[in-house]
Amino acid sequence: MSTNKIVVPEAKAALEQFKMEAANEEGVSPAY
């Protein structure tokens, strides 16, 4: 399904952004 190729990367990017924002709120820089 072509939608999978679009939705999955966006979901992963959203998750990464969420982790970044959560880390910023905690005052901790995310480890990459």
PDB file of N, CA and C in Angstrom:
ATOM      1  N   MET A   1       0.843  -1.200   0.000  1.00  0.00           N
ATOM      2  CA  MET A   1       0.000   0.000   0.000  1.00  0.00           C
ATOM      3  C   MET A   1       0.876   1.247   0.000  1.00  0.00           C
ATOM      4  N   SER A   2       0.576   2.150  -0.901  1.00  0.00           N
ATOM      5  CA  SER A   2       1.396   3.353  -1.018  1.00  0.00           C
ATOM      6  C   SER A   2       1.239   4.251   0.207  1.00  0.00           C
ATOM      7  N   THR A   3       0.082   4.178   0.864  1.00  0.00           N
ATOM      8  CA  THR A   3      -0.134   5.039   2.030  1.00  0.00           C
ATOM      9  C   THR A   3       0.839   4.689   3.145  1.00  0.00           C
ATOM     10  N   ASN A   4       1.226   3.428   3.243  1.00  0.00           N
ATOM     11  CA  ASN A   4       2.158   3.006   4.288  1.00  0.00           C
ATOM     12  C   ASN A   4       3.485   3.740   4.156  1.00  0.00           C
ATOM     13  N   LYS A   5       3.956   3.917   2.932  1.00  0.00           N
ATOM     14  CA  LYS A   5       5.249   4.567   2.711  1.00  0.00           C
ATOM     15  C   LYS A   5       5.195   6.039   3.109  1.00  0.00           C
ATOM     16  N   ILE A   6       3.997   6.597   3.165  1.00  0.00           N
ATOM     17  CA  ILE A   6       3.860   8.009   3.524  1.00  0.00           C
ATOM     18  C   ILE A   6       3.624   8.154   5.024  1.00  0.00           C
ATOM     19  N   VAL A   7       2.742   7.323   5.550  1.00  0.00           N
ATOM     20  CA  VAL A   7       2.338   7.461   6.952  1.00  0.00           C
ATOM     21  C   VAL A   7       3.463   7.077   7.901  1.00  0.00           C
ATOM     22  N   VAL A   8       4.169   6.006   7.614  1.00  0.00           N
ATOM     23  CA  VAL A   8       5.179   5.510   8.551  1.00  0.00           C
ATOM     24  C   VAL A   8       6.295   6.524   8.807  1.00  0.00           C
ATOM     25  N   PRO A   9       6.921   7.090   7.765  1.00  0.00           N
ATOM     26  CA  PRO A   9       7.976   8.085   8.026  1.00  0.00           C
ATOM     27  C   PRO A   9       7.439   9.295   8.786  1.00  0.00           C
ATOM     28  N   GLU A  10       6.220   9.711   8.490  1.00  0.00           N
ATOM     29  CA  GLU A  10       5.653  10.864   9.191  1.00  0.00           C
ATOM     30  C   GLU A  10       5.428  10.529  10.656  1.00  0.00           C
ATOM     31  N   ALA A  11       4.962   9.315  10.907  1.00  0.00           N
ATOM     32  CA  ALA A  11       4.728   8.898  12.290  1.00  0.00           C
ATOM     33  C   ALA A  11       6.045   8.848  13.049  1.00  0.00           C
ATOM     34  N   LYS A  12       7.083   8.346  12.397  1.00  0.00           N
ATOM     35  CA  LYS A  12       8.396   8.271  13.045  1.00  0.00           C
ATOM     36  C   LYS A  12       8.929   9.677  13.318  1.00  0.00           C
ATOM     37  N   ALA A  13       8.754  10.588  12.368  1.00  0.00           N
ATOM     38  CA  ALA A  13       9.212  11.959  12.561  1.00  0.00           C
ATOM     39  C   ALA A  13       8.453  12.612  13.709  1.00  0.00           C
ATOM     40  N   ALA A  14       7.151  12.341  13.789  1.00  0.00           N
ATOM     41  CA  ALA A  14       6.351  12.907  14.869  1.00  0.00           C
ATOM     42  C   ALA A  14       6.825  12.359  16.207  1.00  0.00           C
ATOM     43  N   LEU A  15       7.161  11.070  16.239  1.00  0.00           N
ATOM     44  CA  LEU A  15       7.647  10.451  17.472  1.00  0.00           C
ATOM     45  C   LEU A  15       8.977  11.069  17.884  1.00  0.00           C
ATOM     46  N   GLU A  16       9.861  11.281  16.909  1.00  0.00           N
ATOM     47  CA  GLU A  16      11.160  11.890  17.212  1.00  0.00           C
ATOM     48  C   GLU A  16      10.960  13.296  17.771  1.00  0.00           C
ATOM     49  N   GLN A  17      10.041  14.055  17.153  1.00  0.00           N
ATOM     50  CA  GLN A  17       9.786  15.415  17.621  1.00  0.00           C
ATOM     51  C   GLN A  17       9.213  15.386  19.035  1.00  0.00           C
ATOM     52  N   PHE A  18       8.324  14.412  19.292  1.00  0.00           N
ATOM     53  CA  PHE A  18       7.733  14.285  20.622  1.00  0.00           C
ATOM     54  C   PHE A  18       8.815  14.010  21.658  1.00  0.00           C
ATOM     55  N   LYS A  19       9.745  13.117  21.324  1.00  0.00           N
ATOM     56  CA  LYS A  19      10.823  12.797  22.262  1.00  0.00           C
ATOM     57  C   LYS A  19      11.708  14.017  22.491  1.00  0.00           C
ATOM     58  N   MET A  20      11.956  14.780  21.428  1.00  0.00           N
ATOM     59  CA  MET A  20      12.778  15.981  21.563  1.00  0.00           C
ATOM     60  C   MET A  20      12.096  16.978  22.496  1.00  0.00           C
ATOM     61  N   GLU A  21      10.792  17.198  22.275  1.00  0.00           N
ATOM     62  CA  GLU A  21      10.059  18.158  23.092  1.00  0.00           C
ATOM     63  C   GLU A  21       9.994  17.685  24.540  1.00  0.00           C
ATOM     64  N   ALA A  22       9.791  16.395  24.743  1.00  0.00           N
ATOM     65  CA  ALA A  22       9.733  15.847  26.098  1.00  0.00           C
ATOM     66  C   ALA A  22      11.080  16.033  26.786  1.00  0.00           C
ATOM     67  N   ALA A  23      12.161  15.806  26.061  1.00  0.00           N
ATOM     68  CA  ALA A  23      13.498  15.965  26.627  1.00  0.00           C
ATOM     69  C   ALA A  23      13.751  17.433  26.966  1.00  0.00           C
ATOM     70  N   ASN A  24      13.280  18.343  26.107  1.00  0.00           N
ATOM     71  CA  ASN A  24      13.469  19.767  26.366  1.00  0.00           C
ATOM     72  C   ASN A  24      12.724  20.186  27.624  1.00  0.00           C
ATOM     73  N   GLU A  25      11.526  19.642  27.814  1.00  0.00           N
ATOM     74  CA  GLU A  25      10.748  19.984  29.002  1.00  0.00           C
ATOM     75  C   GLU A  25      11.441  19.474  30.261  1.00  0.00           C
ATOM     76  N   GLU A  26      12.111  18.349  30.144  1.00  0.00           N
ATOM     77  CA  GLU A  26      12.810  17.777  31.294  1.00  0.00           C
ATOM     78  C   GLU A  26      14.165  18.456  31.513  1.00  0.00           C
ATOM     79  N   GLY A  27      14.584  19.261  30.538  1.00  0.00           N
ATOM     80  CA  GLY A  27      15.867  19.923  30.665  1.00  0.00           C
ATOM     81  C   GLY A  27      17.014  18.994  30.320  1.00  0.00           C
ATOM     82  N   VAL A  28      16.734  17.967  29.508  1.00  0.00           N
ATOM     83  CA  VAL A  28      17.761  17.004  29.127  1.00  0.00           C
ATOM     84  C   VAL A  28      17.874  16.962  27.610  1.00  0.00           C
ATOM     85  N   SER A  29      19.093  17.000  27.107  1.00  0.00           N
ATOM     86  CA  SER A  29      19.269  16.914  25.662  1.00  0.00           C
ATOM     87  C   SER A  29      19.200  15.456  25.228  1.00  0.00           C
ATOM     88  N   PRO A  30      18.436  15.149  24.169  1.00  0.00           N
ATOM     89  CA  PRO A  30      18.298  13.760  23.710  1.00  0.00           C
ATOM     90  C   PRO A  30      19.615  13.202  23.186  1.00  0.00           C
ATOM     91  N   ALA A  31      19.892  11.958  23.475  1.00  0.00           N
ATOM     92  CA  ALA A  31      21.111  11.302  23.000  1.00  0.00           C
ATOM     93  C   ALA A  31      20.888  10.762  21.600  1.00  0.00           C
ATOM     94  N   TYR A  32      21.785  11.118  20.690  1.00  0.00           N
ATOM     95  CA  TYR A  32      21.654  10.634  19.314  1.00  0.00           C
ATOM     96  C   TYR A  32      22.846   9.759  18.986  1.00  0.00           C
TER      97      TYR A  32
END
